[in-house]
C-alpha atoms as a PDB file:
ATOM      1  CA  VAL A   1      -0.857  32.110   3.464  1.00  0.00           C
ATOM      2  CA  LEU A   2       1.448  34.068   1.168  1.00  0.00           C
ATOM      3  CA  SER A   3      -1.157  34.557  -1.564  1.00  0.00           C
ATOM      4  CA  ASP A   4      -3.678  36.311   0.719  1.00  0.00           C
ATOM      5  CA  LYS A   5      -3.209  40.022   0.007  1.00  0.00           C
ATOM      6  CA  LEU A   6      -5.132  41.053   3.123  1.00  0.00           C
ATOM      7  CA  ALA A   7      -3.442  38.766   5.647  1.00  0.00           C
ATOM      8  CA  LYS A   8      -0.211  39.537   7.456  1.00  0.00           C
ATOM      9  CA  LYS A   9       2.671  37.585   5.914  1.00  0.00           C
ATOM     10  CA  GLU A  10       4.407  35.481   8.569  1.00  0.00           C
ATOM     11  CA  LEU A  11       7.431  34.373   6.591  1.00  0.00           C
ATOM     12  CA  ASP A  12       8.883  32.427   9.506  1.00  0.00           C
ATOM     13  CA  ALA A  13       5.775  30.243   9.975  1.00  0.00           C
ATOM     14  CA  ARG A  14       6.348  26.487  10.236  1.00  0.00           C
ATOM     15  CA  ILE A  15       3.737  25.783   7.516  1.00  0.00           C
ATOM     16  CA  VAL A  16       3.449  28.091   4.502  1.00  0.00           C
ATOM     17  CA  PHE A  17       0.778  27.973   1.769  1.00  0.00           C
ATOM     18  CA  SER A  18       1.436  29.670  -1.555  1.00  0.00           C
ATOM     19  CA  THR A  19       0.469  29.712  -5.193  1.00  0.00           C
ATOM     20  CA  TYR A  20       3.259  29.037  -7.644  1.00  0.00           C
ATOM     21  CA  GLN A  21       3.249  32.584  -8.993  1.00  0.00           C
ATOM     22  CA  THR A  22       3.500  34.107  -5.523  1.00  0.00           C
ATOM     23  CA  MET A  23       6.459  31.907  -4.576  1.00  0.00           C
ATOM     24  CA  ILE A  24       8.195  32.775  -7.850  1.00  0.00           C
ATOM     25  CA  ASN A  25       7.820  36.446  -6.942  1.00  0.00           C
ATOM     26  CA  TYR A  26       9.502  35.819  -3.559  1.00  0.00           C
ATOM     27  CA  ILE A  27      12.546  33.975  -4.918  1.00  0.00           C
ATOM     28  CA  ASP A  28      12.981  35.672  -8.304  1.00  0.00           C
ATOM     29  CA  LYS A  29      14.608  38.814  -6.941  1.00  0.00           C
ATOM     30  CA  GLU A  30      17.940  39.889  -5.457  1.00  0.00           C
ATOM     31  CA  ASP A  31      16.492  40.396  -1.961  1.00  0.00           C
ATOM     32  CA  LYS A  32      15.175  36.864  -1.547  1.00  0.00           C
ATOM     33  CA  LYS A  33      12.848  36.292   1.389  1.00  0.00           C
ATOM     34  CA  PHE A  34      13.546  32.560   1.566  1.00  0.00           C
ATOM     35  CA  GLY A  35      16.908  30.796   1.586  1.00  0.00           C
ATOM     36  CA  ILE A  36      17.422  27.532  -0.281  1.00  0.00           C
ATOM     37  CA  GLY A  37      17.210  25.544   2.952  1.00  0.00           C
ATOM     38  CA  ARG A  38      14.105  27.323   4.311  1.00  0.00           C
ATOM     39  CA  PHE A  39      11.778  24.310   3.950  1.00  0.00           C
ATOM     40  CA  ASP A  40      12.267  20.688   4.932  1.00  0.00           C
ATOM     41  CA  LEU A  41       9.354  19.516   2.743  1.00  0.00           C
ATOM     42  CA  ILE A  42       7.582  20.988  -0.282  1.00  0.00           C
ATOM     43  CA  ILE A  43       4.238  19.484  -1.321  1.00  0.00           C
ATOM     44  CA  VAL A  44       3.272  20.190  -4.930  1.00  0.00           C
ATOM     45  CA  ASP A  45      -0.408  19.986  -5.855  1.00  0.00           C
ATOM     46  CA  GLU A  46      -1.437  19.411  -9.482  1.00  0.00           C
ATOM     47  CA  ALA A  47       2.070  18.084 -10.112  1.00  0.00           C
ATOM     48  CA  HIS A  48       1.239  17.086 -13.679  1.00  0.00           C
ATOM     49  CA  ARG A  49       0.885  20.674 -14.818  1.00  0.00           C
ATOM     50  CA  SER A  50       2.732  22.922 -12.377  1.00  0.00           C
ATOM     51  CA  ILE A  51       6.420  22.141 -12.683  1.00  0.00           C
ATOM     52  CA  PHE A  52       7.089  23.322 -16.208  1.00  0.00           C
ATOM     53  CA  ASN A  53       8.516  26.561 -17.587  1.00  0.00           C
ATOM     54  CA  LYS A  54       9.253  29.146 -14.918  1.00  0.00           C
ATOM     55  CA  TYR A  55       7.520  27.256 -12.093  1.00  0.00           C
ATOM     56  CA  ARG A  56      10.190  24.595 -12.377  1.00  0.00           C
ATOM     57  CA  ALA A  57      12.608  27.119 -10.873  1.00  0.00           C
ATOM     58  CA  ILE A  58      10.862  26.829  -7.491  1.00  0.00           C
ATOM     59  CA  PHE A  59      11.789  23.192  -7.098  1.00  0.00           C
ATOM     60  CA  LEU A  60      15.292  23.646  -8.442  1.00  0.00           C
ATOM     61  CA  TYR A  61      15.901  26.524  -6.021  1.00  0.00           C
ATOM     62  CA  PHE A  62      14.904  24.912  -2.724  1.00  0.00           C
ATOM     63  CA  ASP A  63      16.942  22.086  -1.205  1.00  0.00           C
ATOM     64  CA  SER A  64      14.190  19.964   0.362  1.00  0.00           C
ATOM     65  CA  LEU A  65      12.207  16.790   0.084  1.00  0.00           C
ATOM     66  CA  LEU A  66       9.626  17.052  -2.725  1.00  0.00           C
ATOM     67  CA  VAL A  67       6.206  15.359  -2.795  1.00  0.00           C
ATOM     68  CA  GLY A  68       4.012  15.712  -5.888  1.00  0.00           C
ATOM     69  CA  LEU A  69       0.257  15.127  -5.866  1.00  0.00           C
ATOM     70  CA  THR A  70      -1.981  14.739  -8.909  1.00  0.00           C
ATOM     71  CA  ALA A  71      -5.358  13.234  -9.748  1.00  0.00           C
ATOM     72  CA  THR A  72      -4.145  12.622 -13.280  1.00  0.00           C
ATOM     73  CA  PRO A  73      -3.797   8.958 -14.280  1.00  0.00           C
ATOM     74  CA  ARG A  74      -0.183   7.821 -14.097  1.00  0.00           C
ATOM     75  CA  SER A  75      -0.149   6.957 -17.802  1.00  0.00           C
ATOM     76  CA  GLU A  76      -1.099  10.557 -18.644  1.00  0.00           C
ATOM     77  CA  VAL A  77       1.511  12.348 -16.518  1.00  0.00           C
ATOM     78  CA  ASP A  78       4.170  14.034 -18.629  1.00  0.00           C
ATOM     79  CA  ARG A  79       7.590  12.388 -18.839  1.00  0.00           C
ATOM     80  CA  SER A  80       9.299  15.508 -17.505  1.00  0.00           C
ATOM     81  CA  THR A  81       7.184  15.299 -14.346  1.00  0.00           C
ATOM     82  CA  TYR A  82       8.586  11.876 -13.589  1.00  0.00           C
ATOM     83  CA  THR A  83      12.077  13.158 -14.391  1.00  0.00           C
ATOM     84  CA  MET A  84      11.698  16.005 -11.907  1.00  0.00           C
ATOM     85  CA  PHE A  85      10.968  13.498  -9.162  1.00  0.00           C
ATOM     86  CA  GLY A  86      13.716  11.133 -10.243  1.00  0.00           C
ATOM     87  CA  LEU A  87      11.295   8.414 -11.317  1.00  0.00           C
ATOM     88  CA  GLU A  88      11.033   6.046 -14.236  1.00  0.00           C
ATOM     89  CA  ASP A  89       8.413   7.155 -16.752  1.00  0.00           C
ATOM     90  CA  GLY A  90       4.987   5.792 -15.797  1.00  0.00           C
ATOM     91  CA  TYR A  91       5.992   4.575 -12.331  1.00  0.00           C
ATOM     92  CA  PRO A  92       5.036   6.915  -9.474  1.00  0.00           C
ATOM     93  CA  ASN A  93       6.047   6.097  -5.905  1.00  0.00           C
ATOM     94  CA  PHE A  94       2.411   5.531  -5.020  1.00  0.00           C
ATOM     95  CA  HIS A  95      -0.833   5.440  -6.928  1.00  0.00           C
ATOM     96  CA  TYR A  96      -4.418   5.018  -5.777  1.00  0.00           C
ATOM     97  CA  GLU A  97      -6.909   4.095  -8.482  1.00  0.00           C
ATOM     98  CA  LEU A  98     -10.533   5.225  -8.654  1.00  0.00           C
ATOM     99  CA  ASP A  99     -11.755   1.644  -8.327  1.00  0.00           C
ATOM    100  CA  GLU A 100      -9.792   1.265  -5.103  1.00  0.00           C
ATOM    101  CA  ALA A 101     -11.187   4.523  -3.699  1.00  0.00           C
ATOM    102  CA  VAL A 102     -14.728   3.368  -4.503  1.00  0.00           C
ATOM    103  CA  LYS A 103     -14.106  -0.047  -2.942  1.00  0.00           C
ATOM    104  CA  ASP A 104     -12.646   1.559   0.184  1.00  0.00           C
ATOM    105  CA  GLY A 105     -15.651   3.871   0.498  1.00  0.00           C
ATOM    106  CA  TYR A 106     -13.935   7.181  -0.165  1.00  0.00           C
ATOM    107  CA  LEU A 107     -15.658   7.848  -3.508  1.00  0.00           C
ATOM    108  CA  VAL A 108     -18.657   6.535  -5.449  1.00  0.00           C
ATOM    109  CA  GLY A 109     -18.732   4.918  -8.870  1.00  0.00           C
ATOM    110  CA  TYR A 110     -20.943   5.569 -11.865  1.00  0.00           C
ATOM    111  CA  ASN A 111     -23.200   4.011 -14.489  1.00  0.00           C
ATOM    112  CA  VAL A 112     -22.762   5.123 -18.100  1.00  0.00           C
ATOM    113  CA  PHE A 113     -25.665   5.444 -20.517  1.00  0.00           C
ATOM    114  CA  ASP A 114     -24.395   5.630 -24.084  1.00  0.00           C
ATOM    115  CA  ARG A 115     -26.917   7.799 -25.932  1.00  0.00           C
ATOM    116  CA  THR A 116     -24.801   8.352 -29.043  1.00  0.00           C
ATOM    117  CA  SER A 117     -26.752   7.494 -32.192  1.00  0.00           C
ATOM    118  CA  GLU A 118     -25.175   5.029 -34.595  1.00  0.00           C
ATOM    119  CA  ILE A 119     -25.004   7.691 -37.302  1.00  0.00           C
ATOM    120  CA  MET A 120     -23.189  10.051 -34.942  1.00  0.00           C
ATOM    121  CA  LYS A 121     -20.716   7.292 -34.067  1.00  0.00           C
ATOM    122  CA  ARG A 122     -19.731   6.153 -37.524  1.00  0.00           C
ATOM    123  CA  GLY A 123     -20.660   9.066 -39.804  1.00  0.00           C
ATOM    124  CA  PHE A 124     -22.464   8.153 -43.000  1.00  0.00           C
ATOM    125  CA  LYS A 125     -22.371   7.674 -46.718  1.00  0.00           C
ATOM    126  CA  TYR A 126     -25.777   8.660 -48.014  1.00  0.00           C
ATOM    127  CA  SER A 127     -26.050   5.859 -50.555  1.00  0.00           C
ATOM    128  CA  ASP A 128     -25.501   3.276 -47.804  1.00  0.00           C
ATOM    129  CA  LEU A 129     -28.259   4.552 -45.521  1.00  0.00           C
ATOM    130  CA  SER A 130     -31.606   2.902 -44.977  1.00  0.00           C
ATOM    131  CA  PRO A 131     -34.730   4.993 -45.717  1.00  0.00           C
ATOM    132  CA  GLU A 132     -35.147   5.578 -41.973  1.00  0.00           C
ATOM    133  CA  GLU A 133     -31.541   6.777 -41.587  1.00  0.00           C
ATOM    134  CA  ARG A 134     -31.875   9.081 -44.594  1.00  0.00           C
ATOM    135  CA  GLN A 135     -34.936  10.607 -42.970  1.00  0.00           C
ATOM    136  CA  GLU A 136     -32.957  11.143 -39.751  1.00  0.00           C
ATOM    137  CA  ILE A 137     -30.170  12.919 -41.613  1.00  0.00           C
ATOM    138  CA  GLU A 138     -32.542  15.074 -43.665  1.00  0.00           C
ATOM    139  CA  THR A 139     -34.503  16.228 -40.624  1.00  0.00           C
ATOM    140  CA  GLU A 140     -32.658  15.906 -37.331  1.00  0.00           C
ATOM    141  CA  TYR A 141     -29.245  17.088 -38.588  1.00  0.00           C
ATOM    142  CA  ALA A 142     -30.373  19.630 -41.144  1.00  0.00           C
ATOM    143  CA  ILE A 143     -30.257  22.591 -38.767  1.00  0.00           C
ATOM    144  CA  THR A 144     -27.012  24.391 -37.981  1.00  0.00           C
ATOM    145  CA  MET A 145     -25.960  25.579 -34.541  1.00  0.00           C
ATOM    146  CA  ASP A 146     -27.130  29.067 -35.503  1.00  0.00           C
ATOM    147  CA  GLY A 147     -30.663  27.719 -35.857  1.00  0.00           C
ATOM    148  CA  GLU A 148     -30.680  28.236 -39.620  1.00  0.00           C
ATOM    149  CA  TYR A 149     -31.518  25.595 -42.214  1.00  0.00           C
ATOM    150  CA  ASN A 150     -28.356  24.085 -43.618  1.00  0.00           C
ATOM    151  CA  LEU A 151     -28.597  24.458 -47.409  1.00  0.00           C
ATOM    152  CA  ASP A 152     -25.827  21.931 -47.980  1.00  0.00           C
ATOM    153  CA  TYR A 153     -28.236  19.304 -46.719  1.00  0.00           C
ATOM    154  CA  ASP A 154     -31.196  20.551 -48.728  1.00  0.00           C
ATOM    155  CA  VAL A 155     -30.063  18.430 -51.645  1.00  0.00           C
ATOM    156  CA  ILE A 156     -27.830  15.531 -50.580  1.00  0.00           C
ATOM    157  CA  GLU A 157     -26.003  13.840 -53.403  1.00  0.00           C
ATOM    158  CA  LYS A 158     -25.840  10.051 -53.475  1.00  0.00           C
ATOM    159  CA  ASP A 159     -22.108   9.988 -52.939  1.00  0.00           C
ATOM    160  CA  THR A 160     -22.200  12.387 -49.958  1.00  0.00           C
ATOM    161  CA  GLU A 161     -20.006  11.153 -47.121  1.00  0.00           C
ATOM    162  CA  VAL A 162     -19.759  12.798 -43.693  1.00  0.00           C
ATOM    163  CA  SER A 163     -17.631  11.670 -40.751  1.00  0.00           C
ATOM    164  CA  GLY A 164     -19.054  11.307 -37.271  1.00  0.00           C
ATOM    165  CA  ASN A 165     -16.717  14.030 -35.979  1.00  0.00           C
ATOM    166  CA  LYS A 166     -18.000  16.517 -38.556  1.00  0.00           C
ATOM    167  CA  LEU A 167     -21.543  15.627 -37.618  1.00  0.00           C
ATOM    168  CA  PHE A 168     -20.679  16.234 -33.941  1.00  0.00           C
ATOM    169  CA  LYS A 169     -19.344  19.692 -34.627  1.00  0.00           C
ATOM    170  CA  LYS A 170     -21.853  21.076 -37.087  1.00  0.00           C
ATOM    171  CA  PHE A 171     -25.315  19.632 -36.961  1.00  0.00           C
ATOM    172  CA  PHE A 172     -28.014  19.404 -34.372  1.00  0.00           C
ATOM    173  CA  ASN A 173     -31.319  21.125 -33.757  1.00  0.00           C
ATOM    174  CA  LYS A 174     -33.640  22.079 -30.949  1.00  0.00           C
ATOM    175  CA  ASP A 175     -35.341  18.689 -31.118  1.00  0.00           C
ATOM    176  CA  THR A 176     -32.016  17.098 -30.222  1.00  0.00           C
ATOM    177  CA  ILE A 177     -31.659  19.393 -27.205  1.00  0.00           C
ATOM    178  CA  ARG A 178     -35.212  18.660 -26.072  1.00  0.00           C
ATOM    179  CA  LYS A 179     -34.524  14.951 -26.376  1.00  0.00           C
ATOM    180  CA  VAL A 180     -31.437  15.265 -24.160  1.00  0.00           C
ATOM    181  CA  LEU A 181     -33.338  17.258 -21.534  1.00  0.00           C
ATOM    182  CA  LYS A 182     -36.318  14.900 -21.505  1.00  0.00           C
ATOM    183  CA  GLU A 183     -34.053  11.894 -21.070  1.00  0.00           C
ATOM    184  CA  LEU A 184     -32.240  13.568 -18.187  1.00  0.00           C
ATOM    185  CA  MET A 185     -35.489  14.486 -16.437  1.00  0.00           C
ATOM    186  CA  ARG A 186     -36.971  11.038 -17.041  1.00  0.00           C
ATOM    187  CA  ASP A 187     -33.980   8.765 -16.428  1.00  0.00           C
ATOM    188  CA  GLY A 188     -31.671  10.792 -14.177  1.00  0.00           C
ATOM    189  CA  LEU A 189     -31.257  10.146 -10.465  1.00  0.00           C
ATOM    190  CA  LYS A 190     -33.791  12.096  -8.422  1.00  0.00           C
ATOM    191  CA  VAL A 191     -34.091  13.432  -4.867  1.00  0.00           C
ATOM    192  CA  ASN A 192     -36.942  14.524  -2.591  1.00  0.00           C
ATOM    193  CA  ASN A 193     -38.840  11.263  -3.129  1.00  0.00           C
ATOM    194  CA  GLY A 194     -38.496  11.630  -6.885  1.00  0.00           C
ATOM    195  CA  GLU A 195     -39.900  15.160  -7.054  1.00  0.00           C
ATOM    196  CA  ASN A 196     -36.687  16.810  -8.239  1.00  0.00           C
ATOM    197  CA  ILE A 197     -33.838  15.785 -10.474  1.00  0.00           C
ATOM    198  CA  GLY A 198     -30.629  15.515  -8.482  1.00  0.00           C
ATOM    199  CA  LYS A 199     -27.954  18.147  -8.937  1.00  0.00           C
ATOM    200  CA  SER A 200     -26.857  17.759 -12.561  1.00  0.00           C
ATOM    201  CA  ILE A 201     -24.171  19.186 -14.828  1.00  0.00           C
ATOM    202  CA  ILE A 202     -24.646  19.385 -18.591  1.00  0.00           C
ATOM    203  CA  PHE A 203     -21.299  19.884 -20.318  1.00  0.00           C
ATOM    204  CA  ALA A 204     -21.939  22.009 -23.418  1.00  0.00           C
ATOM    205  CA  PRO A 205     -19.452  22.776 -26.230  1.00  0.00           C
ATOM    206  CA  ASN A 206     -19.909  26.554 -26.382  1.00  0.00           C
ATOM    207  CA  HIS A 207     -21.865  29.512 -25.081  1.00  0.00           C
ATOM    208  CA  LYS A 208     -24.458  29.580 -27.855  1.00  0.00           C
ATOM    209  CA  THR A 209     -25.305  25.914 -27.414  1.00  0.00           C
ATOM    210  CA  ALA A 210     -25.528  26.342 -23.650  1.00  0.00           C
ATOM    211  CA  GLU A 211     -27.934  29.258 -24.097  1.00  0.00           C
ATOM    212  CA  MET A 212     -30.131  27.088 -26.305  1.00  0.00           C
ATOM    213  CA  VAL A 213     -30.134  24.286 -23.717  1.00  0.00           C
ATOM    214  CA  VAL A 214     -31.278  26.639 -20.950  1.00  0.00           C
ATOM    215  CA  ALA A 215     -33.904  28.262 -23.196  1.00  0.00           C
ATOM    216  CA  GLU A 216     -35.350  24.896 -24.235  1.00  0.00           C
ATOM    217  CA  PHE A 217     -35.475  23.700 -20.634  1.00  0.00           C
ATOM    218  CA  LYS A 218     -37.522  26.732 -19.636  1.00  0.00           C
ATOM    219  CA  LYS A 219     -39.950  26.042 -22.482  1.00  0.00           C
ATOM    220  CA  LEU A 220     -40.279  22.368 -21.593  1.00  0.00           C
ATOM    221  CA  TYR A 221     -40.528  22.789 -17.821  1.00  0.00           C
ATOM    222  CA  PRO A 222     -41.903  26.263 -16.999  1.00  0.00           C
ATOM    223  CA  LYS A 223     -43.256  25.012 -13.654  1.00  0.00           C
ATOM    224  CA  TYR A 224     -39.728  24.894 -12.235  1.00  0.00           C
ATOM    225  CA  GLY A 225     -39.111  28.612 -12.738  1.00  0.00           C
ATOM    226  CA  ASN A 226     -36.214  30.558 -14.221  1.00  0.00           C
ATOM    227  CA  ASP A 227     -33.514  29.529 -11.736  1.00  0.00           C
ATOM    228  CA  TYR A 228     -33.862  25.738 -11.890  1.00  0.00           C
ATOM    229  CA  CYS A 229     -31.579  25.368 -14.922  1.00  0.00           C
ATOM    230  CA  ALA A 230     -28.781  27.919 -15.272  1.00  0.00           C
ATOM    231  CA  LEU A 231     -25.941  28.668 -17.659  1.00  0.00           C
ATOM    232  CA  ILE A 232     -22.543  28.921 -15.988  1.00  0.00           C
ATOM    233  CA  ASP A 233     -19.613  30.151 -18.077  1.00  0.00           C
ATOM    234  CA  ASN A 234     -17.296  33.135 -18.256  1.00  0.00           C
ATOM    235  CA  TYR A 235     -19.833  35.170 -20.245  1.00  0.00           C
ATOM    236  CA  VAL A 236     -22.284  35.099 -17.334  1.00  0.00           C
ATOM    237  CA  THR A 237     -22.333  37.857 -14.729  1.00  0.00           C
ATOM    238  CA  TYR A 238     -21.848  36.545 -11.183  1.00  0.00           C
ATOM    239  CA  ALA A 239     -20.842  33.077 -12.384  1.00  0.00           C
ATOM    240  CA  GLY A 240     -18.991  32.578  -9.100  1.00  0.00           C
ATOM    241  CA  ASP A 241     -22.190  33.205  -7.156  1.00  0.00           C
ATOM    242  CA  LEU A 242     -24.057  30.715  -9.342  1.00  0.00           C
ATOM    243  CA  ILE A 243     -21.401  28.069  -8.695  1.00  0.00           C
ATOM    244  CA  GLU A 244     -21.628  28.714  -4.963  1.00  0.00           C
ATOM    245  CA  ARG A 245     -25.421  28.345  -4.982  1.00  0.00           C
ATOM    246  CA  PHE A 246     -25.198  25.223  -7.143  1.00  0.00           C
ATOM    247  CA  GLY A 247     -23.083  23.693  -4.381  1.00  0.00           C
ATOM    248  CA  VAL A 248     -25.758  24.200  -1.721  1.00  0.00           C
ATOM    249  CA  THR A 249     -28.230  21.340  -1.299  1.00  0.00           C
ATOM    250  CA  ASN A 250     -31.472  23.286  -1.081  1.00  0.00           C
ATOM    251  CA  LYS A 251     -30.593  26.169  -3.385  1.00  0.00           C
ATOM    252  CA  LEU A 252     -31.029  26.574  -7.124  1.00  0.00           C
ATOM    253  CA  PRO A 253     -29.873  25.961  -9.777  1.00  0.00           C
ATOM    254  CA  GLN A 254     -30.546  22.245  -9.766  1.00  0.00           C
ATOM    255  CA  ILE A 255     -29.150  21.847 -13.285  1.00  0.00           C
ATOM    256  CA  ALA A 256     -25.982  23.675 -14.333  1.00  0.00           C
ATOM    257  CA  VAL A 257     -25.181  23.994 -18.037  1.00  0.00           C
ATOM    258  CA  SER A 258     -21.432  24.466 -18.079  1.00  0.00           C
ATOM    259  CA  VAL A 259     -18.949  25.639 -20.678  1.00  0.00           C
ATOM    260  CA  ASP A 260     -15.562  24.763 -19.140  1.00  0.00           C
ATOM    261  CA  MET A 261     -16.172  26.361 -15.724  1.00  0.00           C
ATOM    262  CA  LEU A 262     -17.406  23.200 -13.949  1.00  0.00           C
ATOM    263  CA  ASP A 263     -15.083  20.756 -15.676  1.00  0.00           C
ATOM    264  CA  THR A 264     -12.510  20.771 -12.884  1.00  0.00           C
ATOM    265  CA  GLY A 265     -11.785  22.317  -9.517  1.00  0.00           C
ATOM    266  CA  ILE A 266     -15.268  22.356  -7.983  1.00  0.00           C
ATOM    267  CA  ASP A 267     -16.556  20.166  -5.179  1.00  0.00           C
ATOM    268  CA  VAL A 268     -20.331  19.572  -5.230  1.00  0.00           C
ATOM    269  CA  PRO A 269     -20.957  16.223  -3.498  1.00  0.00           C
ATOM    270  CA  GLU A 270     -24.673  16.365  -4.343  1.00  0.00           C
ATOM    271  CA  VAL A 271     -24.060  15.945  -8.103  1.00  0.00           C
ATOM    272  CA  LEU A 272     -25.963  12.841  -9.250  1.00  0.00           C
ATOM    273  CA  ASN A 273     -26.047  13.261 -13.036  1.00  0.00           C
ATOM    274  CA  LEU A 274     -23.467  14.276 -15.626  1.00  0.00           C
ATOM    275  CA  VAL A 275     -24.467  14.882 -19.249  1.00  0.00           C
ATOM    276  CA  PHE A 276     -21.745  14.954 -21.892  1.00  0.00           C
ATOM    277  CA  PHE A 277     -23.307  17.052 -24.650  1.00  0.00           C
ATOM    278  CA  ARG A 278     -19.905  17.717 -26.145  1.00  0.00           C
ATOM    279  CA  ALA A 279     -16.865  15.802 -27.344  1.00  0.00           C
ATOM    280  CA  VAL A 280     -13.839  15.755 -25.053  1.00  0.00           C
ATOM    281  CA  LYS A 281     -10.456  15.149 -26.676  1.00  0.00           C
ATOM    282  CA  SER A 282      -8.229  15.211 -23.581  1.00  0.00           C
ATOM    283  CA  LYS A 283      -8.262  12.084 -21.418  1.00  0.00           C
ATOM    284  CA  ILE A 284      -6.961  14.080 -18.458  1.00  0.00           C
ATOM    285  CA  LYS A 285      -9.810  16.566 -18.735  1.00  0.00           C
ATOM    286  CA  PHE A 286     -12.360  13.812 -19.374  1.00  0.00           C
ATOM    287  CA  LEU A 287     -11.431  11.991 -16.161  1.00  0.00           C
ATOM    288  CA  GLN A 288     -11.475  15.247 -14.214  1.00  0.00           C
ATOM    289  CA  MET A 289     -14.981  15.960 -15.527  1.00  0.00           C
ATOM    290  CA  ILE A 290     -16.117  12.501 -14.416  1.00  0.00           C
ATOM    291  CA  GLY A 291     -14.636  13.310 -11.016  1.00  0.00           C
ATOM    292  CA  ARG A 292     -17.308  15.979 -10.485  1.00  0.00           C
ATOM    293  CA  GLY A 293     -19.725  13.182  -9.587  1.00  0.00           C
ATOM    294  CA  THR A 294     -17.545  10.913  -7.449  1.00  0.00           C
ATOM    295  CA  ARG A 295     -17.841  12.744  -4.120  1.00  0.00           C
ATOM    296  CA  LEU A 296     -19.668  11.140  -1.177  1.00  0.00           C
ATOM    297  CA  SER A 297     -22.958  12.710  -0.092  1.00  0.00           C
ATOM    298  CA  PRO A 298     -24.495  11.293   3.109  1.00  0.00           C
ATOM    299  CA  ASP A 299     -28.296  11.365   3.569  1.00  0.00           C
ATOM    300  CA  ILE A 300     -28.856  12.745   0.069  1.00  0.00           C
ATOM    301  CA  TYR A 301     -32.023  10.658  -0.340  1.00  0.00           C
ATOM    302  CA  GLY A 302     -33.105  10.999   3.284  1.00  0.00           C
ATOM    303  CA  PRO A 303     -31.819   9.984   6.737  1.00  0.00           C
ATOM    304  CA  GLY A 304     -29.445   7.055   6.336  1.00  0.00           C
ATOM    305  CA  LEU A 305     -29.891   7.006   2.545  1.00  0.00           C
ATOM    306  CA  ASP A 306     -26.495   7.966   1.210  1.00  0.00           C
ATOM    307  CA  LYS A 307     -25.237   8.541  -2.295  1.00  0.00           C
ATOM    308  CA  LYS A 308     -24.132   5.193  -3.745  1.00  0.00           C
ATOM    309  CA  GLY A 309     -23.228   6.302  -7.265  1.00  0.00           C
ATOM    310  CA  PHE A 310     -24.092   8.671 -10.097  1.00  0.00           C
ATOM    311  CA  PHE A 311     -25.245   8.542 -13.709  1.00  0.00           C
ATOM    312  CA  ILE A 312     -23.413   9.659 -16.835  1.00  0.00           C
ATOM    313  CA  PHE A 313     -25.292  10.294 -20.087  1.00  0.00           C
ATOM    314  CA  ASP A 314     -22.859  10.332 -23.004  1.00  0.00           C
ATOM    315  CA  TYR A 315     -24.175  11.770 -26.280  1.00  0.00           C
ATOM    316  CA  TYR A 316     -20.816  12.186 -28.004  1.00  0.00           C
ATOM    317  CA  ASP A 317     -19.237   8.730 -27.816  1.00  0.00           C
ATOM    318  CA  ASN A 318     -16.592   9.912 -25.365  1.00  0.00           C
ATOM    319  CA  PHE A 319     -16.224   6.612 -23.530  1.00  0.00           C
ATOM    320  CA  ASN A 320     -15.445   4.804 -26.777  1.00  0.00           C
ATOM    321  CA  PHE A 321     -13.024   7.530 -27.844  1.00  0.00           C
ATOM    322  CA  PHE A 322     -10.667   6.883 -24.936  1.00  0.00           C
END
């Protein structure tokens, strides 16, 4: 393992593991440790993102067979990736779809619950709203993310028009957060004979929102204690430790409120519920986020009662966006 600073580097090993940056450091110098014919086969993980800029030099330097792996849908892989492998754009040598993996029993599928309000989907023109919809706008969306009353909405002119995207970004209140949490706790998949919500990830748009989600959960469900629902982002001390504990079946937190840190690259098979409390604009990232729930988890509901699927609660119309 070349990237392990503590381990002895056996450069003549038959199988070598390395990060891209470490390998660049080995070949980007006059005293090169590896000749161009050193490897018979190079396997590239995350091939959709790793072979650009200076990392491309690795694969141009070595004279070997090249295999690229990626979980990114073939339609989303960059053209230059296909070019690197000598392929026609959009046509990999082999592809294995999520539906096939579910059918073959390697992953589990999901059920989507679209919880996006009609106003949030289409935006609004005040003069076209029903009395009930006007009331919703004047109350539910009249609080900014800072928790202050939004004066622009204090007096709404008849010709006021707001897009759904603007509504997504600017307006919600604590009632909205409580509604999301109550629906998760009521409708989400549960474990321990229904006593506990299954491991769940709430994808939040930013740190402040995530803090509000955790604070409101503690107010709504004090019986579960302080560790049941936890914020995990790069502002949190010991975030790595929290992620590790989240991945253990009988350890808390049971609900992780994530800002980017749990979107990709973690493996927690026990995840049963995903909550999209944010808009996602990248299809690649969106599918990777969904992937957090697809892992198999035997006996999760008891002996012989395996994980058969997971739930997704979408509050930001993401599934219709893509």
